[in-house]
Each structure stands twice: as structure tokens, then as C-alpha cells.
């Protein structure tokens, strides 16, 4: 059976269901109803794709950013990067020793800034 809803349509709907001024109980009820609707339509297999898209829609709608900092070692002085962030940004740090030194910054799963020594070495030797 072919579903009539695309993952993008589901994602936009989910964001609408969890946005706005609601109590946590209302949000839980909305999510439960959404999941029941997904199951009824046989679209639970699309859940991870829907969540990925919903996250992107949410950040665009709210103006907030999801920032992934990929570093070779744990950053001790987070305030070094504070001018780069905005209030409301969701920041995650990932340790990747292959970077050797420097940092990679991924913003909203689509823009990447690469200031790693790994990239510089690859540029020199390729």
C-alpha cells in the first residue's frame, strides 16, 4: 500500500504539534497521537528520516542552530568560541583524534567549516 504522506509532510506536522505554548503533557499527547498516526499508516519505518527532517524544520522555524563541534581533544576553554554561538544554539562536542588538531564545525547538518590539521595535511599531499 502506497502512503499518501511524505516524510517531509510528516516532519512539518510533527514540528507544528510540538511548537508553541504547550505544557509538557500536551506535547507528550501530541507526540503519542503522531506516533499512532504513523503506525496506522504503516509508516513507522520512516520514523528516523522524519525525525531528521523535523529537527531541521524546527531549527529553521525557531532560528536556533544545531552545532556539532568535532575536535581532536576535549575543549577546556569553551569561551574561546562563545562569539561564534547565539543564545538558544544546541551545541554538541564530538572527539575525533583523526583530526590531529583544530576543529570542524557542522551547522544544522548542512554547513561545515573545517579548520582541522587533517584537512590541511590532505590539501598539501593530494
PDB file of N, CA and C in Angstrom:
ATOM      1  N   UNK A   1       0.834  -1.178   0.000  1.00  0.00           N
ATOM      2  CA  UNK A   1       0.000   0.000   0.000  1.00  0.00           C
ATOM      3  C   UNK A   1       0.887   1.252   0.000  1.00  0.00           C
ATOM      4  N   UNK A   2       0.628   2.141  -0.902  1.00  0.00           N
ATOM      5  CA  UNK A   2       1.403   3.379  -1.032  1.00  0.00           C
ATOM      6  C   UNK A   2       0.852   4.429  -0.064  1.00  0.00           C
ATOM      7  N   UNK A   3       1.722   4.994   0.741  1.00  0.00           N
ATOM      8  CA  UNK A   3       1.289   6.024   1.683  1.00  0.00           C
ATOM      9  C   UNK A   3       1.100   7.347   0.958  1.00  0.00           C
ATOM     10  N   UNK A   4       0.209   8.144   1.462  1.00  0.00           N
ATOM     11  CA  UNK A   4      -0.049   9.427   0.809  1.00  0.00           C
ATOM     12  C   UNK A   4       0.707  10.579   1.462  1.00  0.00           C
ATOM     13  N   UNK A   5       1.491  10.262   2.485  1.00  0.00           N
ATOM     14  CA  UNK A   5       2.236  11.298   3.190  1.00  0.00           C
ATOM     15  C   UNK A   5       3.739  11.087   3.021  1.00  0.00           C
ATOM     16  N   UNK A   6       4.439  12.153   2.674  1.00  0.00           N
ATOM     17  CA  UNK A   6       5.891  12.076   2.531  1.00  0.00           C
ATOM     18  C   UNK A   6       6.541  12.327   3.894  1.00  0.00           C
ATOM     19  N   UNK A   7       7.787  11.892   4.072  1.00  0.00           N
ATOM     20  CA  UNK A   7       8.482  12.182   5.329  1.00  0.00           C
ATOM     21  C   UNK A   7       8.544  13.684   5.631  1.00  0.00           C
ATOM     22  N   UNK A   8       8.679  14.498   4.601  1.00  0.00           N
ATOM     23  CA  UNK A   8       8.732  15.950   4.810  1.00  0.00           C
ATOM     24  C   UNK A   8       7.399  16.479   5.344  1.00  0.00           C
ATOM     25  N   UNK A   9       6.287  15.942   4.832  1.00  0.00           N
ATOM     26  CA  UNK A   9       4.971  16.349   5.326  1.00  0.00           C
ATOM     27  C   UNK A   9       4.805  15.957   6.793  1.00  0.00           C
ATOM     28  N   UNK A  10       5.216  14.734   7.107  1.00  0.00           N
ATOM     29  CA  UNK A  10       5.154  14.281   8.499  1.00  0.00           C
ATOM     30  C   UNK A  10       6.015  15.173   9.391  1.00  0.00           C
ATOM     31  N   UNK A  11       7.221  15.502   8.923  1.00  0.00           N
ATOM     32  CA  UNK A  11       8.148  16.313   9.719  1.00  0.00           C
ATOM     33  C   UNK A  11       7.551  17.680  10.033  1.00  0.00           C
ATOM     34  N   UNK A  12       6.971  18.323   9.033  1.00  0.00           N
ATOM     35  CA  UNK A  12       6.357  19.640   9.252  1.00  0.00           C
ATOM     36  C   UNK A  12       5.207  19.539  10.244  1.00  0.00           C
ATOM     37  N   UNK A  13       4.424  18.476  10.120  1.00  0.00           N
ATOM     38  CA  UNK A  13       3.306  18.264  11.039  1.00  0.00           C
ATOM     39  C   UNK A  13       3.808  18.059  12.462  1.00  0.00           C
ATOM     40  N   UNK A  14       4.835  17.249  12.621  1.00  0.00           N
ATOM     41  CA  UNK A  14       5.393  16.996  13.949  1.00  0.00           C
ATOM     42  C   UNK A  14       5.889  18.284  14.591  1.00  0.00           C
ATOM     43  N   UNK A  15       6.571  19.106  13.826  1.00  0.00           N
ATOM     44  CA  UNK A  15       7.075  20.373  14.366  1.00  0.00           C
ATOM     45  C   UNK A  15       5.916  21.256  14.815  1.00  0.00           C
ATOM     46  N   UNK A  16       4.849  21.301  14.032  1.00  0.00           N
ATOM     47  CA  UNK A  16       3.675  22.085  14.424  1.00  0.00           C
ATOM     48  C   UNK A  16       3.064  21.545  15.718  1.00  0.00           C
ATOM     49  N   UNK A  17       3.057  20.225  15.855  1.00  0.00           N
ATOM     50  CA  UNK A  17       2.464  19.599  17.042  1.00  0.00           C
ATOM     51  C   UNK A  17       3.247  19.880  18.320  1.00  0.00           C
ATOM     52  N   UNK A  18       4.546  20.082  18.206  1.00  0.00           N
ATOM     53  CA  UNK A  18       5.360  20.286  19.411  1.00  0.00           C
ATOM     54  C   UNK A  18       5.764  21.741  19.625  1.00  0.00           C
ATOM     55  N   UNK A  19       5.416  22.611  18.695  1.00  0.00           N
ATOM     56  CA  UNK A  19       5.793  24.024  18.804  1.00  0.00           C
ATOM     57  C   UNK A  19       4.713  24.809  19.543  1.00  0.00           C
ATOM     58  N   UNK A  20       5.070  25.990  19.920  1.00  0.00           N
ATOM     59  CA  UNK A  20       4.104  26.877  20.552  1.00  0.00           C
ATOM     60  C   UNK A  20       4.061  26.695  22.056  1.00  0.00           C
ATOM     61  N   UNK A  21       3.130  27.391  22.650  1.00  0.00           N
ATOM     62  CA  UNK A  21       2.991  27.373  24.108  1.00  0.00           C
ATOM     63  C   UNK A  21       2.124  26.192  24.511  1.00  0.00           C
ATOM     64  N   UNK A  22       2.788  25.137  24.956  1.00  0.00           N
ATOM     65  CA  UNK A  22       2.095  23.936  25.399  1.00  0.00           C
ATOM     66  C   UNK A  22       2.750  23.423  26.668  1.00  0.00           C
ATOM     67  N   UNK A  23       1.968  22.703  27.436  1.00  0.00           N
ATOM     68  CA  UNK A  23       2.540  22.056  28.613  1.00  0.00           C
ATOM     69  C   UNK A  23       3.266  20.799  28.149  1.00  0.00           C
ATOM     70  N   UNK A  24       4.193  20.301  28.954  1.00  0.00           N
ATOM     71  CA  UNK A  24       4.856  19.041  28.594  1.00  0.00           C
ATOM     72  C   UNK A  24       3.854  17.897  28.392  1.00  0.00           C
ATOM     73  N   UNK A  25       2.770  17.902  29.146  1.00  0.00           N
ATOM     74  CA  UNK A  25       1.750  16.853  28.997  1.00  0.00           C
ATOM     75  C   UNK A  25       1.088  16.948  27.625  1.00  0.00           C
ATOM     76  N   UNK A  26       0.789  18.171  27.174  1.00  0.00           N
ATOM     77  CA  UNK A  26       0.194  18.349  25.844  1.00  0.00           C
ATOM     78  C   UNK A  26       1.151  17.877  24.756  1.00  0.00           C
ATOM     79  N   UNK A  27       2.422  18.208  24.912  1.00  0.00           N
ATOM     80  CA  UNK A  27       3.420  17.789  23.921  1.00  0.00           C
ATOM     81  C   UNK A  27       3.493  16.268  23.869  1.00  0.00           C
ATOM     82  N   UNK A  28       3.506  15.610  25.044  1.00  0.00           N
ATOM     83  CA  UNK A  28       3.536  14.143  25.088  1.00  0.00           C
ATOM     84  C   UNK A  28       2.324  13.545  24.384  1.00  0.00           C
ATOM     85  N   UNK A  29       1.144  14.114  24.637  1.00  0.00           N
ATOM     86  CA  UNK A  29      -0.084  13.622  23.995  1.00  0.00           C
ATOM     87  C   UNK A  29       0.000  13.797  22.484  1.00  0.00           C
ATOM     88  N   UNK A  30       0.497  14.949  22.050  1.00  0.00           N
ATOM     89  CA  UNK A  30       0.626  15.203  20.612  1.00  0.00           C
ATOM     90  C   UNK A  30       1.590  14.218  19.959  1.00  0.00           C
ATOM     91  N   UNK A  31       2.702  13.950  20.626  1.00  0.00           N
ATOM     92  CA  UNK A  31       3.681  13.002  20.079  1.00  0.00           C
ATOM     93  C   UNK A  31       3.091  11.598  20.037  1.00  0.00           C
ATOM     94  N   UNK A  32       2.378  11.207  21.098  1.00  0.00           N
ATOM     95  CA  UNK A  32       1.745   9.881  21.122  1.00  0.00           C
ATOM     96  C   UNK A  32       0.731   9.756  19.985  1.00  0.00           C
ATOM     97  N   UNK A  33      -0.057  10.791  19.778  1.00  0.00           N
ATOM     98  CA  UNK A  33      -1.030  10.782  18.681  1.00  0.00           C
ATOM     99  C   UNK A  33      -0.350  10.715  17.326  1.00  0.00           C
ATOM    100  N   UNK A  34       0.746  11.440  17.198  1.00  0.00           N
ATOM    101  CA  UNK A  34       1.506  11.430  15.947  1.00  0.00           C
ATOM    102  C   UNK A  34       2.062  10.036  15.668  1.00  0.00           C
ATOM    103  N   UNK A  35       2.634   9.403  16.692  1.00  0.00           N
ATOM    104  CA  UNK A  35       3.185   8.051  16.525  1.00  0.00           C
ATOM    105  C   UNK A  35       2.086   7.040  16.193  1.00  0.00           C
ATOM    106  N   UNK A  36       0.920   7.196  16.802  1.00  0.00           N
ATOM    107  CA  UNK A  36      -0.208   6.311  16.488  1.00  0.00           C
ATOM    108  C   UNK A  36      -0.629   6.497  15.031  1.00  0.00           C
ATOM    109  N   UNK A  37      -0.627   7.739  14.567  1.00  0.00           N
ATOM    110  CA  UNK A  37      -0.976   8.034  13.173  1.00  0.00           C
ATOM    111  C   UNK A  37       0.042   7.409  12.217  1.00  0.00           C
ATOM    112  N   UNK A  38       1.334   7.512  12.576  1.00  0.00           N
ATOM    113  CA  UNK A  38       2.385   6.883  11.768  1.00  0.00           C
ATOM    114  C   UNK A  38       2.162   5.374  11.681  1.00  0.00           C
ATOM    115  N   UNK A  39       1.888   4.756  12.824  1.00  0.00           N
ATOM    116  CA  UNK A  39       1.674   3.306  12.867  1.00  0.00           C
ATOM    117  C   UNK A  39       0.447   2.916  12.049  1.00  0.00           C
ATOM    118  N   UNK A  40      -0.623   3.676  12.187  1.00  0.00           N
ATOM    119  CA  UNK A  40      -1.863   3.393  11.455  1.00  0.00           C
ATOM    120  C   UNK A  40      -1.626   3.422   9.946  1.00  0.00           C
ATOM    121  N   UNK A  41      -0.773   4.337   9.512  1.00  0.00           N
ATOM    122  CA  UNK A  41      -0.477   4.465   8.079  1.00  0.00           C
ATOM    123  C   UNK A  41       0.641   3.532   7.623  1.00  0.00           C
ATOM    124  N   UNK A  42       1.204   2.753   8.540  1.00  0.00           N
ATOM    125  CA  UNK A  42       2.278   1.831   8.178  1.00  0.00           C
ATOM    126  C   UNK A  42       3.581   2.534   7.845  1.00  0.00           C
ATOM    127  N   UNK A  43       3.794   3.694   8.443  1.00  0.00           N
ATOM    128  CA  UNK A  43       4.974   4.500   8.117  1.00  0.00           C
ATOM    129  C   UNK A  43       6.004   4.581   9.248  1.00  0.00           C
ATOM    130  N   UNK A  44       5.925   3.679  10.216  1.00  0.00           N
ATOM    131  CA  UNK A  44       6.904   3.704  11.314  1.00  0.00           C
ATOM    132  C   UNK A  44       8.326   3.499  10.799  1.00  0.00           C
ATOM    133  N   UNK A  45       8.477   2.823   9.690  1.00  0.00           N
ATOM    134  CA  UNK A  45       9.818   2.587   9.128  1.00  0.00           C
ATOM    135  C   UNK A  45      10.469   3.892   8.669  1.00  0.00           C
ATOM    136  N   UNK A  46       9.674   4.928   8.504  1.00  0.00           N
ATOM    137  CA  UNK A  46      10.197   6.237   8.086  1.00  0.00           C
ATOM    138  C   UNK A  46      10.530   7.132   9.280  1.00  0.00           C
ATOM    139  N   UNK A  47      10.359   6.625  10.485  1.00  0.00           N
ATOM    140  CA  UNK A  47      10.481   7.457  11.686  1.00  0.00           C
ATOM    141  C   UNK A  47      11.835   8.165  11.800  1.00  0.00           C
ATOM    142  N   UNK A  48      12.937   7.468  11.532  1.00  0.00           N
ATOM    143  CA  UNK A  48      14.247   8.123  11.687  1.00  0.00           C
ATOM    144  C   UNK A  48      14.430   9.238  10.660  1.00  0.00           C
ATOM    145  N   UNK A  49      13.960   9.016   9.437  1.00  0.00           N
ATOM    146  CA  UNK A  49      14.043  10.059   8.413  1.00  0.00           C
ATOM    147  C   UNK A  49      13.154  11.248   8.792  1.00  0.00           C
ATOM    148  N   UNK A  50      11.976  10.961   9.313  1.00  0.00           N
ATOM    149  CA  UNK A  50      11.055  12.020   9.740  1.00  0.00           C
ATOM    150  C   UNK A  50      11.679  12.836  10.865  1.00  0.00           C
ATOM    151  N   UNK A  51      12.311  12.168  11.829  1.00  0.00           N
ATOM    152  CA  UNK A  51      12.941  12.877  12.946  1.00  0.00           C
ATOM    153  C   UNK A  51      14.075  13.780  12.463  1.00  0.00           C
ATOM    154  N   UNK A  52      14.879  13.276  11.538  1.00  0.00           N
ATOM    155  CA  UNK A  52      15.978  14.074  10.981  1.00  0.00           C
ATOM    156  C   UNK A  52      15.421  15.329  10.301  1.00  0.00           C
ATOM    157  N   UNK A  53      14.394  15.149   9.466  1.00  0.00           N
ATOM    158  CA  UNK A  53      13.791  16.283   8.765  1.00  0.00           C
ATOM    159  C   UNK A  53      13.107  17.236   9.738  1.00  0.00           C
ATOM    160  N   UNK A  54      12.415  16.684  10.738  1.00  0.00           N
ATOM    161  CA  UNK A  54      11.717  17.519  11.718  1.00  0.00           C
ATOM    162  C   UNK A  54      12.707  18.387  12.493  1.00  0.00           C
ATOM    163  N   UNK A  55      13.844  17.812  12.819  1.00  0.00           N
ATOM    164  CA  UNK A  55      14.874  18.572  13.529  1.00  0.00           C
ATOM    165  C   UNK A  55      15.304  19.775  12.689  1.00  0.00           C
ATOM    166  N   UNK A  56      15.539  19.555  11.405  1.00  0.00           N
ATOM    167  CA  UNK A  56      15.941  20.648  10.517  1.00  0.00           C
ATOM    168  C   UNK A  56      14.842  21.694  10.384  1.00  0.00           C
ATOM    169  N   UNK A  57      13.595  21.251  10.236  1.00  0.00           N
ATOM    170  CA  UNK A  57      12.458  22.177  10.133  1.00  0.00           C
ATOM    171  C   UNK A  57      12.344  22.994  11.420  1.00  0.00           C
ATOM    172  N   UNK A  58      12.491  22.329  12.560  1.00  0.00           N
ATOM    173  CA  UNK A  58      12.394  23.008  13.855  1.00  0.00           C
ATOM    174  C   UNK A  58      13.443  24.112  13.978  1.00  0.00           C
ATOM    175  N   UNK A  59      14.691  23.792  13.642  1.00  0.00           N
ATOM    176  CA  UNK A  59      15.747  24.796  13.766  1.00  0.00           C
ATOM    177  C   UNK A  59      15.527  25.967  12.816  1.00  0.00           C
ATOM    178  N   UNK A  60      15.061  25.691  11.605  1.00  0.00           N
ATOM    179  CA  UNK A  60      14.770  26.786  10.667  1.00  0.00           C
ATOM    180  C   UNK A  60      13.627  27.648  11.181  1.00  0.00           C
ATOM    181  N   UNK A  61      12.601  27.010  11.712  1.00  0.00           N
ATOM    182  CA  UNK A  61      11.424  27.739  12.195  1.00  0.00           C
ATOM    183  C   UNK A  61      11.759  28.620  13.394  1.00  0.00           C
ATOM    184  N   UNK A  62      12.578  28.122  14.296  1.00  0.00           N
ATOM    185  CA  UNK A  62      12.875  28.856  15.528  1.00  0.00           C
ATOM    186  C   UNK A  62      14.077  29.789  15.398  1.00  0.00           C
ATOM    187  N   UNK A  63      14.858  29.620  14.336  1.00  0.00           N
ATOM    188  CA  UNK A  63      16.055  30.443  14.178  1.00  0.00           C
ATOM    189  C   UNK A  63      17.225  29.950  15.014  1.00  0.00           C
ATOM    190  N   UNK A  64      17.016  28.860  15.733  1.00  0.00           N
ATOM    191  CA  UNK A  64      18.101  28.276  16.522  1.00  0.00           C
ATOM    192  C   UNK A  64      18.961  27.420  15.609  1.00  0.00           C
ATOM    193  N   UNK A  65      20.144  27.078  16.101  1.00  0.00           N
ATOM    194  CA  UNK A  65      21.047  26.259  15.294  1.00  0.00           C
ATOM    195  C   UNK A  65      21.500  25.042  16.084  1.00  0.00           C
ATOM    196  N   UNK A  66      21.698  23.953  15.361  1.00  0.00           N
ATOM    197  CA  UNK A  66      22.299  22.753  15.941  1.00  0.00           C
ATOM    198  C   UNK A  66      23.750  22.774  15.492  1.00  0.00           C
ATOM    199  N   UNK A  67      24.657  22.826  16.445  1.00  0.00           N
ATOM    200  CA  UNK A  67      26.073  22.943  16.120  1.00  0.00           C
ATOM    201  C   UNK A  67      26.819  21.734  16.670  1.00  0.00           C
ATOM    202  N   UNK A  68      27.543  21.065  15.789  1.00  0.00           N
ATOM    203  CA  UNK A  68      28.393  19.945  16.185  1.00  0.00           C
ATOM    204  C   UNK A  68      29.837  20.410  16.079  1.00  0.00           C
ATOM    205  N   UNK A  69      30.540  20.386  17.206  1.00  0.00           N
ATOM    206  CA  UNK A  69      31.962  20.724  17.232  1.00  0.00           C
ATOM    207  C   UNK A  69      32.734  19.419  17.247  1.00  0.00           C
ATOM    208  N   UNK A  70      33.482  19.169  16.194  1.00  0.00           N
ATOM    209  CA  UNK A  70      34.303  17.962  16.124  1.00  0.00           C
ATOM    210  C   UNK A  70      35.744  18.391  16.374  1.00  0.00           C
ATOM    211  N   UNK A  71      36.321  17.872  17.444  1.00  0.00           N
ATOM    212  CA  UNK A  71      37.659  18.283  17.867  1.00  0.00           C
ATOM    213  C   UNK A  71      38.534  17.059  18.122  1.00  0.00           C
ATOM    214  N   UNK A  72      39.848  17.265  18.078  1.00  0.00           N
ATOM    215  CA  UNK A  72      40.783  16.162  18.324  1.00  0.00           C
ATOM    216  C   UNK A  72      40.827  15.794  19.806  1.00  0.00           C
ATOM    217  N   UNK A  73      40.718  16.802  20.657  1.00  0.00           N
ATOM    218  CA  UNK A  73      40.723  16.603  22.108  1.00  0.00           C
ATOM    219  C   UNK A  73      39.655  17.493  22.729  1.00  0.00           C
ATOM    220  N   UNK A  74      39.257  17.165  23.937  1.00  0.00           N
ATOM    221  CA  UNK A  74      38.221  17.928  24.635  1.00  0.00           C
ATOM    222  C   UNK A  74      38.623  19.398  24.752  1.00  0.00           C
ATOM    223  N   UNK A  75      37.685  20.277  24.472  1.00  0.00           N
ATOM    224  CA  UNK A  75      37.926  21.720  24.581  1.00  0.00           C
ATOM    225  C   UNK A  75      37.751  22.125  26.043  1.00  0.00           C
ATOM    226  N   UNK A  76      38.797  22.691  26.616  1.00  0.00           N
ATOM    227  CA  UNK A  76      38.738  23.111  28.020  1.00  0.00           C
ATOM    228  C   UNK A  76      38.161  24.520  28.153  1.00  0.00           C
ATOM    229  N   UNK A  77      38.461  25.368  27.203  1.00  0.00           N
ATOM    230  CA  UNK A  77      38.028  26.761  27.296  1.00  0.00           C
ATOM    231  C   UNK A  77      36.935  27.021  26.265  1.00  0.00           C
ATOM    232  N   UNK A  78      35.715  26.678  26.633  1.00  0.00           N
ATOM    233  CA  UNK A  78      34.577  26.837  25.727  1.00  0.00           C
ATOM    234  C   UNK A  78      34.343  28.311  25.373  1.00  0.00           C
ATOM    235  N   UNK A  79      34.760  29.220  26.256  1.00  0.00           N
ATOM    236  CA  UNK A  79      34.534  30.634  25.990  1.00  0.00           C
ATOM    237  C   UNK A  79      35.360  31.153  24.816  1.00  0.00           C
ATOM    238  N   UNK A  80      36.349  30.379  24.349  1.00  0.00           N
ATOM    239  CA  UNK A  80      37.114  30.781  23.163  1.00  0.00           C
ATOM    240  C   UNK A  80      36.200  30.871  21.938  1.00  0.00           C
ATOM    241  N   UNK A  81      35.158  30.058  21.921  1.00  0.00           N
ATOM    242  CA  UNK A  81      34.258  30.005  20.771  1.00  0.00           C
ATOM    243  C   UNK A  81      32.935  30.721  21.020  1.00  0.00           C
ATOM    244  N   UNK A  82      32.777  31.370  22.170  1.00  0.00           N
ATOM    245  CA  UNK A  82      31.476  31.920  22.548  1.00  0.00           C
ATOM    246  C   UNK A  82      30.954  32.964  21.561  1.00  0.00           C
ATOM    247  N   UNK A  83      31.826  33.703  20.895  1.00  0.00           N
ATOM    248  CA  UNK A  83      31.372  34.710  19.933  1.00  0.00           C
ATOM    249  C   UNK A  83      30.748  34.074  18.699  1.00  0.00           C
ATOM    250  N   UNK A  84      31.038  32.816  18.477  1.00  0.00           N
ATOM    251  CA  UNK A  84      30.512  32.098  17.321  1.00  0.00           C
ATOM    252  C   UNK A  84      29.073  31.640  17.553  1.00  0.00           C
ATOM    253  N   UNK A  85      28.694  31.445  18.810  1.00  0.00           N
ATOM    254  CA  UNK A  85      27.386  30.898  19.146  1.00  0.00           C
ATOM    255  C   UNK A  85      26.372  31.989  19.429  1.00  0.00           C
ATOM    256  N   UNK A  86      25.098  31.610  19.275  1.00  0.00           N
ATOM    257  CA  UNK A  86      23.993  32.502  19.595  1.00  0.00           C
ATOM    258  C   UNK A  86      23.208  31.888  20.744  1.00  0.00           C
ATOM    259  N   UNK A  87      22.477  32.717  21.451  1.00  0.00           N
ATOM    260  CA  UNK A  87      21.634  32.198  22.519  1.00  0.00           C
ATOM    261  C   UNK A  87      20.609  31.235  21.918  1.00  0.00           C
ATOM    262  N   UNK A  88      20.441  30.097  22.539  1.00  0.00           N
ATOM    263  CA  UNK A  88      19.490  29.103  22.047  1.00  0.00           C
ATOM    264  C   UNK A  88      20.105  28.041  21.155  1.00  0.00           C
ATOM    265  N   UNK A  89      21.369  28.218  20.752  1.00  0.00           N
ATOM    266  CA  UNK A  89      22.033  27.190  19.941  1.00  0.00           C
ATOM    267  C   UNK A  89      22.185  25.912  20.765  1.00  0.00           C
ATOM    268  N   UNK A  90      22.022  24.783  20.104  1.00  0.00           N
ATOM    269  CA  UNK A  90      22.218  23.485  20.743  1.00  0.00           C
ATOM    270  C   UNK A  90      23.583  22.981  20.292  1.00  0.00           C
ATOM    271  N   UNK A  91      24.514  22.878  21.233  1.00  0.00           N
ATOM    272  CA  UNK A  91      25.907  22.583  20.896  1.00  0.00           C
ATOM    273  C   UNK A  91      26.295  21.198  21.410  1.00  0.00           C
ATOM    274  N   UNK A  92      26.865  20.404  20.506  1.00  0.00           N
ATOM    275  CA  UNK A  92      27.338  19.069  20.848  1.00  0.00           C
ATOM    276  C   UNK A  92      28.818  18.988  20.496  1.00  0.00           C
ATOM    277  N   UNK A  93      29.581  18.345  21.354  1.00  0.00           N
ATOM    278  CA  UNK A  93      31.013  18.179  21.111  1.00  0.00           C
ATOM    279  C   UNK A  93      31.303  16.713  20.820  1.00  0.00           C
ATOM    280  N   UNK A  94      32.074  16.469  19.768  1.00  0.00           N
ATOM    281  CA  UNK A  94      32.456  15.105  19.395  1.00  0.00           C
ATOM    282  C   UNK A  94      33.980  15.049  19.315  1.00  0.00           C
ATOM    283  N   UNK A  95      34.559  14.072  19.990  1.00  0.00           N
ATOM    284  CA  UNK A  95      36.013  13.897  19.973  1.00  0.00           C
ATOM    285  C   UNK A  95      36.383  12.983  18.806  1.00  0.00           C
ATOM    286  N   UNK A  96      37.297  13.462  17.939  1.00  0.00           N
ATOM    287  CA  UNK A  96      37.772  12.687  16.794  1.00  0.00           C
ATOM    288  C   UNK A  96      39.290  12.856  16.700  1.00  0.00           C
ATOM    289  N   UNK A  97      40.068  11.919  17.258  1.00  0.00           N
ATOM    290  CA  UNK A  97      41.533  12.041  17.258  1.00  0.00           C
ATOM    291  C   UNK A  97      42.140  12.118  15.858  1.00  0.00           C
ATOM    292  N   UNK A  98      41.442  11.654  14.829  1.00  0.00           N
ATOM    293  CA  UNK A  98      41.970  11.707  13.460  1.00  0.00           C
ATOM    294  C   UNK A  98      42.149  13.135  12.955  1.00  0.00           C
ATOM    295  N   UNK A  99      41.494  14.093  13.582  1.00  0.00           N
ATOM    296  CA  UNK A  99      41.658  15.488  13.164  1.00  0.00           C
ATOM    297  C   UNK A  99      43.062  16.001  13.473  1.00  0.00           C
ATOM    298  N   UNK A 100      43.759  15.359  14.375  1.00  0.00           N
ATOM    299  CA  UNK A 100      45.105  15.706  14.835  1.00  0.00           C
ATOM    300  C   UNK A 100      45.065  16.992  15.675  1.00  0.00           C
ATOM    301  N   UNK A 101      44.595  18.078  15.092  1.00  0.00           N
ATOM    302  CA  UNK A 101      44.444  19.354  15.795  1.00  0.00           C
ATOM    303  C   UNK A 101      43.406  20.172  15.045  1.00  0.00           C
ATOM    304  N   UNK A 102      42.921  21.217  15.675  1.00  0.00           N
ATOM    305  CA  UNK A 102      41.943  22.073  15.017  1.00  0.00           C
ATOM    306  C   UNK A 102      40.521  21.659  15.339  1.00  0.00           C
ATOM    307  N   UNK A 103      39.602  22.107  14.472  1.00  0.00           N
ATOM    308  CA  UNK A 103      38.179  21.896  14.742  1.00  0.00           C
ATOM    309  C   UNK A 103      37.392  21.832  13.435  1.00  0.00           C
ATOM    310  N   UNK A 104      36.344  21.031  13.443  1.00  0.00           N
ATOM    311  CA  UNK A 104      35.348  21.026  12.372  1.00  0.00           C
ATOM    312  C   UNK A 104      34.041  21.467  13.013  1.00  0.00           C
ATOM    313  N   UNK A 105      33.316  22.337  12.330  1.00  0.00           N
ATOM    314  CA  UNK A 105      32.047  22.825  12.852  1.00  0.00           C
ATOM    315  C   UNK A 105      30.960  22.497  11.835  1.00  0.00           C
ATOM    316  N   UNK A 106      29.945  21.761  12.281  1.00  0.00           N
ATOM    317  CA  UNK A 106      28.806  21.436  11.419  1.00  0.00           C
ATOM    318  C   UNK A 106      27.602  22.197  11.967  1.00  0.00           C
ATOM    319  N   UNK A 107      26.936  22.958  11.081  1.00  0.00           N
ATOM    320  CA  UNK A 107      25.789  23.760  11.495  1.00  0.00           C
ATOM    321  C   UNK A 107      24.539  23.233  10.800  1.00  0.00           C
ATOM    322  N   UNK A 108      23.544  22.870  11.603  1.00  0.00           N
ATOM    323  CA  UNK A 108      22.252  22.379  11.102  1.00  0.00           C
ATOM    324  C   UNK A 108      22.381  21.252  10.087  1.00  0.00           C
ATOM    325  N   UNK A 109      23.327  20.381  10.284  1.00  0.00           N
ATOM    326  CA  UNK A 109      23.519  19.199   9.435  1.00  0.00           C
ATOM    327  C   UNK A 109      23.801  19.517   7.971  1.00  0.00           C
ATOM    328  N   UNK A 110      24.057  20.787   7.631  1.00  0.00           N
ATOM    329  CA  UNK A 110      24.284  21.060   6.208  1.00  0.00           C
ATOM    330  C   UNK A 110      25.501  21.932   5.903  1.00  0.00           C
ATOM    331  N   UNK A 111      25.892  22.815   6.789  1.00  0.00           N
ATOM    332  CA  UNK A 111      27.068  23.652   6.528  1.00  0.00           C
ATOM    333  C   UNK A 111      28.222  23.171   7.373  1.00  0.00           C
ATOM    334  N   UNK A 112      29.387  23.072   6.752  1.00  0.00           N
ATOM    335  CA  UNK A 112      30.552  22.599   7.505  1.00  0.00           C
ATOM    336  C   UNK A 112      31.720  23.550   7.317  1.00  0.00           C
ATOM    337  N   UNK A 113      32.343  23.879   8.418  1.00  0.00           N
ATOM    338  CA  UNK A 113      33.578  24.663   8.414  1.00  0.00           C
ATOM    339  C   UNK A 113      34.665  23.731   8.921  1.00  0.00           C
ATOM    340  N   UNK A 114      35.738  23.585   8.162  1.00  0.00           N
ATOM    341  CA  UNK A 114      36.783  22.631   8.528  1.00  0.00           C
ATOM    342  C   UNK A 114      38.099  23.369   8.751  1.00  0.00           C
ATOM    343  N   UNK A 115      38.468  23.500  10.008  1.00  0.00           N
ATOM    344  CA  UNK A 115      39.725  24.143  10.382  1.00  0.00           C
ATOM    345  C   UNK A 115      40.659  23.123  11.026  1.00  0.00           C
ATOM    346  N   UNK A 116      40.635  21.895  10.513  1.00  0.00           N
ATOM    347  CA  UNK A 116      41.438  20.830  11.122  1.00  0.00           C
ATOM    348  C   UNK A 116      42.795  20.700  10.437  1.00  0.00           C
ATOM    349  N   UNK A 117      43.761  20.216  11.193  1.00  0.00           N
ATOM    350  CA  UNK A 117      45.084  19.932  10.639  1.00  0.00           C
ATOM    351  C   UNK A 117      44.982  18.789   9.633  1.00  0.00           C
ATOM    352  N   UNK A 118      44.070  17.850   9.884  1.00  0.00           N
ATOM    353  CA  UNK A 118      43.854  16.736   8.954  1.00  0.00           C
ATOM    354  C   UNK A 118      43.535  17.270   7.550  1.00  0.00           C
ATOM    355  N   UNK A 119      42.650  18.252   7.459  1.00  0.00           N
ATOM    356  CA  UNK A 119      42.283  18.816   6.151  1.00  0.00           C
ATOM    357  C   UNK A 119      43.484  19.518   5.518  1.00  0.00           C
ATOM    358  N   UNK A 120      44.211  20.268   6.311  1.00  0.00           N
ATOM    359  CA  UNK A 120      45.376  20.980   5.776  1.00  0.00           C
ATOM    360  C   UNK A 120      46.422  20.009   5.241  1.00  0.00           C
ATOM    361  N   UNK A 121      46.655  18.923   5.976  1.00  0.00           N
ATOM    362  CA  UNK A 121      47.613  17.913   5.509  1.00  0.00           C
ATOM    363  C   UNK A 121      47.110  17.226   4.240  1.00  0.00           C
ATOM    364  N   UNK A 122      45.833  16.921   4.201  1.00  0.00           N
ATOM    365  CA  UNK A 122      45.259  16.309   2.993  1.00  0.00           C
ATOM    366  C   UNK A 122      45.380  17.235   1.790  1.00  0.00           C
ATOM    367  N   UNK A 123      45.182  18.537   2.003  1.00  0.00           N
ATOM    368  CA  UNK A 123      45.314  19.501   0.906  1.00  0.00           C
ATOM    369  C   UNK A 123      46.752  19.581   0.399  1.00  0.00           C
ATOM    370  N   UNK A 124      47.708  19.453   1.300  1.00  0.00           N
ATOM    371  CA  UNK A 124      49.119  19.515   0.918  1.00  0.00           C
ATOM    372  C   UNK A 124      49.528  18.280   0.125  1.00  0.00           C
ATOM    373  N   UNK A 125      49.082  17.110   0.575  1.00  0.00           N
ATOM    374  CA  UNK A 125      49.557  15.856  -0.004  1.00  0.00           C
ATOM    375  C   UNK A 125      48.634  15.244  -1.049  1.00  0.00           C
ATOM    376  N   UNK A 126      47.603  15.947  -1.464  1.00  0.00           N
ATOM    377  CA  UNK A 126      46.734  15.401  -2.527  1.00  0.00           C
ATOM    378  C   UNK A 126      46.629  16.350  -3.686  1.00  0.00           C
TER     379      UNK A 126
END
